[in-house]
Protein backbone atom coordinates (compact mmCIF):
# COMPACT_ATOMS: atom_id res chain seq x y z
CA UNK A 1 10.86 -14.09 81.95
CA UNK A 2 14.08 -15.35 80.59
CA UNK A 3 16.81 -13.06 79.34
CA UNK A 4 18.76 -13.63 76.02
CA UNK A 5 21.61 -15.39 78.11
CA UNK A 6 19.09 -17.69 79.81
CA UNK A 7 17.60 -18.93 76.49
CA UNK A 8 18.72 -22.34 75.18
CA UNK A 9 19.55 -22.90 71.50
CA UNK A 10 16.23 -24.67 71.22
CA UNK A 11 14.36 -21.58 72.69
CA UNK A 12 16.06 -19.24 70.25
CA UNK A 13 15.17 -21.53 67.45
CA UNK A 14 11.46 -21.55 68.61
CA UNK A 15 11.55 -17.83 68.52
CA UNK A 16 12.87 -17.50 65.07
CA UNK A 17 10.35 -20.15 63.60
CA UNK A 18 7.39 -18.61 65.35
CA UNK A 19 8.14 -15.14 64.04
CA UNK A 20 8.81 -16.63 60.67
CA UNK A 21 5.45 -18.32 60.72
CA UNK A 22 3.89 -14.94 61.46
CA UNK A 23 3.18 -15.15 65.18
CA UNK A 24 3.20 -11.79 66.96
CA UNK A 25 5.91 -10.68 69.44
CA UNK A 26 3.52 -11.28 72.33
CA UNK A 27 2.36 -14.72 71.21
CA UNK A 28 5.91 -15.87 70.53
CA UNK A 29 7.08 -14.58 74.01
CA UNK A 30 4.09 -16.58 75.74
CA UNK A 31 5.00 -19.67 73.66
CA UNK A 32 8.75 -19.59 74.62
CA UNK A 33 8.22 -18.23 77.99
CA UNK A 34 10.45 -15.19 77.77
CA UNK A 35 10.08 -11.36 77.56
CA UNK A 36 9.13 -9.41 74.54
CA UNK A 37 12.36 -7.71 74.41
CA UNK A 38 14.17 -11.10 74.23
CA UNK A 39 12.06 -12.19 71.30
CA UNK A 40 12.82 -8.73 69.56
CA UNK A 41 16.58 -9.13 70.15
CA UNK A 42 16.86 -12.76 69.15
CA UNK A 43 14.93 -12.17 65.95
CA UNK A 44 17.00 -9.11 65.08
CA UNK A 45 20.21 -11.04 65.70
CA UNK A 46 18.91 -13.99 63.38
CA UNK A 47 17.94 -11.35 60.72
CA UNK A 48 21.37 -9.60 60.77
CA UNK A 49 23.65 -12.59 61.34
CA UNK A 50 21.61 -15.48 59.90
CA UNK A 51 21.95 -17.22 63.34
CA UNK A 52 20.62 -16.72 66.80
CA UNK A 53 23.09 -19.24 68.31
CA UNK A 54 26.30 -18.16 69.93
CA UNK A 55 28.73 -20.82 68.58
CA UNK A 56 32.33 -21.02 69.53
CA UNK A 57 34.55 -20.64 66.67
CA UNK A 58 36.67 -23.88 65.70
CA UNK A 59 34.55 -26.35 67.53
CA UNK A 60 32.83 -29.06 65.57
CA UNK A 61 32.13 -29.32 61.81
CA UNK A 62 29.76 -26.78 60.12
CA UNK A 63 26.22 -27.61 59.94
CA UNK A 64 24.87 -29.19 56.61
CA UNK A 65 21.91 -26.90 56.85
CA UNK A 66 23.03 -23.31 57.66
CA UNK A 67 20.96 -20.28 58.48
CA UNK A 68 20.03 -19.92 54.86
CA UNK A 69 18.94 -23.53 54.80
CA UNK A 70 16.88 -23.08 57.87
CA UNK A 71 15.01 -20.05 56.35
CA UNK A 72 14.23 -22.33 53.39
CA UNK A 73 13.02 -25.03 55.70
CA UNK A 74 10.78 -22.52 57.55
CA UNK A 75 9.21 -21.51 54.05
CA UNK A 76 8.74 -25.14 53.06
CA UNK A 77 6.98 -25.92 56.33
CA UNK A 78 4.81 -22.72 56.18
CA UNK A 79 3.70 -23.65 52.53
CA UNK A 80 2.50 -27.32 53.77
CA UNK A 81 1.98 -27.89 57.45
CA UNK A 82 0.98 -31.48 56.71
CA UNK A 83 4.20 -32.26 54.83
CA UNK A 84 6.31 -35.40 56.04
CA UNK A 85 9.96 -35.09 56.83
CA UNK A 86 10.59 -37.03 53.53
CA UNK A 87 8.48 -34.42 51.59
CA UNK A 88 10.24 -31.66 53.27
CA UNK A 89 13.67 -33.06 52.49
CA UNK A 90 12.67 -33.61 48.79
CA UNK A 91 11.69 -29.97 48.48
CA UNK A 92 14.92 -28.75 50.15
CA UNK A 93 17.10 -30.79 47.95
CA UNK A 94 15.29 -29.67 44.80
CA UNK A 95 17.74 -27.78 42.57
CA UNK A 96 20.54 -27.98 45.16
CA UNK A 97 23.87 -29.63 44.38
CA UNK A 98 24.35 -30.52 48.08
CA UNK A 99 21.85 -33.08 49.10
CA UNK A 100 20.76 -33.62 52.76
CA UNK A 101 19.26 -36.63 54.36
CA UNK A 102 15.81 -37.00 56.08
CA UNK A 103 17.58 -37.40 59.31
CA UNK A 104 19.45 -34.05 58.80
CA UNK A 105 16.29 -32.31 58.01
CA UNK A 106 14.63 -33.97 60.98
CA UNK A 107 17.35 -32.69 63.39
CA UNK A 108 17.28 -29.29 61.96
CA UNK A 109 13.56 -29.10 62.32
CA UNK A 110 13.98 -29.99 66.05
CA UNK A 111 16.70 -27.43 66.46
CA UNK A 112 14.27 -24.92 65.03
CA UNK A 113 11.69 -25.85 67.51
CA UNK A 114 9.35 -27.84 65.12
CA UNK A 115 7.85 -31.09 66.21
CA UNK A 116 6.26 -33.80 64.10
CA UNK A 117 2.73 -34.95 64.66
CA UNK A 118 0.92 -37.99 63.44
CA UNK A 119 -1.94 -37.20 61.11
CA UNK A 120 -5.39 -37.82 62.51
CA UNK A 121 -7.14 -40.64 60.61
CA UNK A 122 -10.69 -41.19 61.48
CA UNK A 123 -12.38 -44.39 60.26
CA UNK A 124 -15.71 -43.80 58.23
CA UNK A 125 -18.67 -44.22 60.72
CA UNK A 126 -22.07 -44.54 59.39
CA UNK A 127 -25.20 -43.93 61.47
CA UNK A 128 -25.47 -47.72 62.02
CA UNK A 129 -21.78 -47.88 63.15
CA UNK A 130 -22.33 -45.16 65.75
CA UNK A 131 -25.51 -46.87 66.93
CA UNK A 132 -23.83 -50.13 67.32
CA UNK A 133 -20.65 -48.50 69.09
CA UNK A 134 -22.92 -46.73 71.43
CA UNK A 135 -24.82 -49.93 72.24
CA UNK A 136 -21.38 -51.80 72.92
CA UNK A 137 -20.36 -49.00 75.07
CA UNK A 138 -23.63 -48.96 77.17
CA UNK A 139 -23.33 -52.74 77.68
CA UNK A 140 -19.65 -52.41 78.87
CA UNK A 141 -19.64 -49.16 80.75
CA UNK A 142 -19.90 -50.79 84.03
CA UNK A 143 -17.26 -53.49 83.45
CA UNK A 144 -14.75 -53.92 86.38
CA UNK A 145 -10.97 -53.89 86.15
CA UNK A 146 -11.12 -57.65 86.85
CA UNK A 147 -13.35 -58.17 83.77
CA UNK A 148 -11.20 -56.25 81.43
CA UNK A 149 -8.10 -58.30 82.69
CA UNK A 150 -9.90 -61.41 81.39
CA UNK A 151 -9.66 -60.05 77.70
CA UNK A 152 -6.93 -60.96 75.26
CA UNK A 153 -6.58 -58.22 72.61
CA UNK A 154 -5.46 -58.83 69.03
CA UNK A 155 -4.80 -56.86 65.95
CA UNK A 156 -2.93 -56.82 62.62
CA UNK A 157 -1.03 -53.87 61.57
CA UNK A 158 1.39 -52.96 58.69
CA UNK A 159 4.41 -50.97 60.34
CA UNK A 160 6.21 -48.64 57.90
CA UNK A 161 9.58 -47.22 58.56
CA UNK A 162 13.18 -47.00 57.44
CA UNK A 163 14.52 -49.25 60.20
CA UNK A 164 12.02 -52.02 58.96
CA UNK A 165 13.13 -51.53 55.40
CA UNK A 166 16.78 -51.87 56.34
CA UNK A 167 16.28 -55.04 58.30
CA UNK A 168 13.70 -56.60 56.06
CA UNK A 169 14.52 -55.38 52.58
CA UNK A 170 11.24 -53.64 52.20
CA UNK A 171 9.32 -50.50 52.97
CA UNK A 172 6.96 -52.03 55.64
CA UNK A 173 6.01 -55.24 57.40
CA UNK A 174 2.77 -56.93 58.24
CA UNK A 175 2.44 -58.16 61.73
CA UNK A 176 -0.23 -59.94 63.99
CA UNK A 177 -0.01 -59.85 67.68
CA UNK A 178 -2.05 -60.32 70.83
CA UNK A 179 -1.61 -59.50 74.55
CA UNK A 180 -3.63 -59.35 77.96
CA UNK A 181 -3.15 -57.92 81.33
CA UNK A 182 -1.20 -60.93 82.44
CA UNK A 183 1.36 -60.96 79.65
CA UNK A 184 2.32 -60.09 76.17
CA UNK A 185 1.35 -62.82 73.59
CA UNK A 186 3.07 -63.86 70.37
CA UNK A 187 3.95 -61.31 67.56
CA UNK A 188 3.75 -62.88 64.08
CA UNK A 189 5.39 -61.80 60.87
CA UNK A 190 2.57 -62.25 58.26
CA UNK A 191 4.17 -62.81 54.97
CA UNK A 192 1.07 -64.10 53.28
CA UNK A 193 -2.40 -62.50 52.37
CA UNK A 194 -4.87 -63.02 55.37
CA UNK A 195 -7.69 -65.23 54.27
CA UNK A 196 -9.95 -67.33 56.32
CA UNK A 197 -7.61 -70.33 56.05
CA UNK A 198 -4.41 -68.39 56.91
CA UNK A 199 -6.13 -66.57 59.85
CA UNK A 200 -7.45 -69.78 61.15
CA UNK A 201 -3.90 -71.12 61.09
CA UNK A 202 -2.91 -68.22 63.36
CA UNK A 203 -5.86 -68.93 65.69
CA UNK A 204 -5.06 -72.58 66.04
CA UNK A 205 -1.27 -72.23 66.34
CA UNK A 206 -1.05 -69.07 68.49
CA UNK A 207 -4.40 -67.96 69.88
CA UNK A 208 -5.54 -71.28 71.28
CA UNK A 209 -2.26 -72.24 73.02
CA UNK A 210 -2.11 -68.60 74.57
CA UNK A 211 -5.70 -68.74 75.81
CA UNK A 212 -5.21 -72.25 77.25
CA UNK A 213 -2.10 -71.24 79.09
CA UNK A 214 -3.32 -67.77 80.41
CA UNK A 215 -6.86 -68.76 81.06
CA UNK A 216 -6.86 -72.46 81.93
CA UNK A 217 -10.17 -72.13 83.84
CA UNK A 218 -12.01 -71.10 80.52
CA UNK A 219 -12.57 -67.53 81.89
CA UNK A 220 -10.78 -65.78 79.04
CA UNK A 221 -12.38 -63.53 76.07
CA UNK A 222 -10.68 -63.14 72.94
CA UNK A 223 -10.96 -59.88 71.19
CA UNK A 224 -10.83 -59.68 67.40
CA UNK A 225 -12.08 -56.99 64.93
CA UNK A 226 -14.56 -57.40 61.99
CA UNK A 227 -12.49 -58.06 59.09
CA UNK A 228 -13.99 -60.50 56.39
CA UNK A 229 -11.57 -63.32 57.49
CA UNK A 230 -12.67 -62.91 61.22
CA UNK A 231 -16.29 -63.42 60.30
CA UNK A 232 -15.67 -66.19 57.92
CA UNK A 233 -17.82 -69.38 58.41
CA UNK A 234 -14.89 -71.73 58.92
CA UNK A 235 -13.46 -69.35 61.64
CA UNK A 236 -16.76 -68.90 63.45
CA UNK A 237 -17.27 -72.64 63.48
CA UNK A 238 -13.83 -73.18 65.17
CA UNK A 239 -14.58 -70.79 67.75
CA UNK A 240 -18.02 -72.27 68.50
CA UNK A 241 -16.29 -75.70 68.78
CA UNK A 242 -13.94 -74.27 71.48
CA UNK A 243 -16.34 -71.93 73.43
CA UNK A 244 -15.82 -74.19 76.41
CA UNK A 245 -12.28 -73.16 76.59
CA UNK A 246 -12.62 -69.41 75.96
CA UNK A 247 -15.22 -67.09 74.39
CA UNK A 248 -15.03 -64.36 71.67
CA UNK A 249 -15.73 -60.89 72.80
CA UNK A 250 -18.38 -59.23 70.69
CA UNK A 251 -16.87 -56.19 68.89
CA UNK A 252 -18.46 -52.98 67.47
CA UNK A 253 -17.62 -51.97 63.84
CA UNK A 254 -14.78 -49.52 62.95
CA UNK A 255 -13.63 -49.06 66.53
CA UNK A 256 -9.79 -48.92 66.65
CA UNK A 257 -10.21 -46.28 69.41
CA UNK A 258 -11.53 -48.97 71.74
CA UNK A 259 -8.74 -51.42 70.89
CA UNK A 260 -5.59 -50.89 73.05
CA UNK A 261 -3.48 -52.82 70.55
CA UNK A 262 -3.10 -49.66 68.59
CA UNK A 263 -1.08 -48.02 71.32
CA UNK A 264 0.85 -51.13 71.73
CA UNK A 265 1.84 -51.10 68.09
CA UNK A 266 3.13 -47.53 68.85
CA UNK A 267 5.15 -48.92 71.78
CA UNK A 268 6.78 -51.47 69.54
CA UNK A 269 7.72 -48.93 66.96
CA UNK A 270 9.19 -46.90 69.72
CA UNK A 271 11.02 -49.84 71.07
CA UNK A 272 12.48 -50.67 67.57
CA UNK A 273 13.72 -47.24 67.00
CA UNK A 274 15.39 -47.03 70.41
CA UNK A 275 17.75 -50.08 69.42
CA UNK A 276 21.21 -48.57 68.90
CA UNK A 277 22.41 -51.62 66.84
CA UNK A 278 19.34 -53.65 65.63
CA UNK A 279 19.93 -57.18 64.53
CA UNK A 280 19.91 -57.87 60.79
CA UNK A 281 17.22 -60.32 60.85
CA UNK A 282 13.92 -58.75 60.86
CA UNK A 283 12.12 -61.37 63.04
CA UNK A 284 14.86 -61.10 65.59
CA UNK A 285 14.41 -57.42 65.55
CA UNK A 286 10.69 -57.49 66.11
CA UNK A 287 10.78 -60.26 68.72
CA UNK A 288 13.47 -58.57 70.87
CA UNK A 289 11.63 -55.26 70.69
CA UNK A 290 8.17 -56.84 71.50
CA UNK A 291 9.67 -58.62 74.53
CA UNK A 292 11.25 -55.50 75.86
CA UNK A 293 7.93 -53.55 76.06
CA UNK A 294 7.64 -52.85 79.91
CA UNK A 295 4.89 -54.56 81.66
CA UNK A 296 3.43 -51.25 83.04
CA UNK A 297 2.92 -50.17 79.43
CA UNK A 298 0.55 -52.91 78.39
CA UNK A 299 -1.09 -53.16 81.81
CA UNK A 300 -1.88 -49.44 81.66
CA UNK A 301 -3.38 -49.89 78.23
CA UNK A 302 -5.90 -52.43 79.75
CA UNK A 303 -6.60 -49.98 82.70
CA UNK A 304 -7.54 -47.41 80.10
CA UNK A 305 -10.52 -49.29 78.90
CA UNK A 306 -13.17 -47.57 81.19
CA UNK A 307 -11.90 -44.25 79.77
CA UNK A 308 -12.14 -45.53 76.17
CA UNK A 309 -15.72 -46.81 76.78
CA UNK A 310 -16.77 -43.36 78.36
CA UNK A 311 -15.25 -41.46 75.49
CA UNK A 312 -17.52 -43.42 72.99
CA UNK A 313 -20.44 -42.75 75.15
CA UNK A 314 -19.69 -38.98 75.41
CA UNK A 315 -19.36 -39.03 71.59
CA UNK A 316 -22.79 -40.90 71.26
CA UNK A 317 -20.99 -43.57 69.26
CA UNK A 318 -19.16 -41.18 67.02
CA UNK A 319 -15.47 -40.70 66.62
CA UNK A 320 -13.18 -40.08 69.67
CA UNK A 321 -9.91 -38.23 69.87
CA UNK A 322 -8.07 -41.68 70.02
CA UNK A 323 -9.22 -42.32 66.43
């Protein structure tokens, strides 16, 4: 068990936050990995001095959020565990003459030992959806790695974020992309409403050349979901006319947990955020970030398909933890 002098500032922040949120001394000690006496000592120091961190005098500028501000942060978080950083910053700034940015709030929360978690969004699944998902999983439960490597995955996603807004002049951007085991495919900035006509343009201009190049023997399978423009007659007729070049993989309804593209979008978002000096042009930013996604990342997603199928079977077609 760590003593006071062995604890990092982060550990001390965790102790303060845990105690402020009502955790017992024993539970806090177990969480941080220190002794109960260390928890008592650190919390007493914070209660008396307003800080549990031993800062050297005269080094660095004062923090924008001091000990009093951290106590306010803790109260805001405790009152609404689902609040976003933007919502927390808005409440902290309410009635205050000195405003702090979302970035400052985020850094303070990290220093206090708090982490952000993405909210779980589960698609609406009817009994018929569950039945079709289970049937699909049963049909594909014995697929080999080589079979999954023949699938080209696709998806459309609206990516939010401050970094997108700064580069593109808006609060979010709509993208379409595809990939397979062999390589990443194109990522397209969709600046129009997706209709059967606009989607067919994507298929002819991007899907078709990609499938011809990667699967010249006609063994490829193209995956798409079940949006209305996917199922439009004009789109279906085009695929039927080209089924000697590649086929379309039958896809169950409301199944983002089965599509590895969801995780690849997360990888793209992470890659964009990691760029120290992103270009001003949005398309350059996205293309550069997309091309820098490591090979082991997208290949690992293809390799995860047996586990995804097994999870759907275990849930009897119902929602899985990846939803």
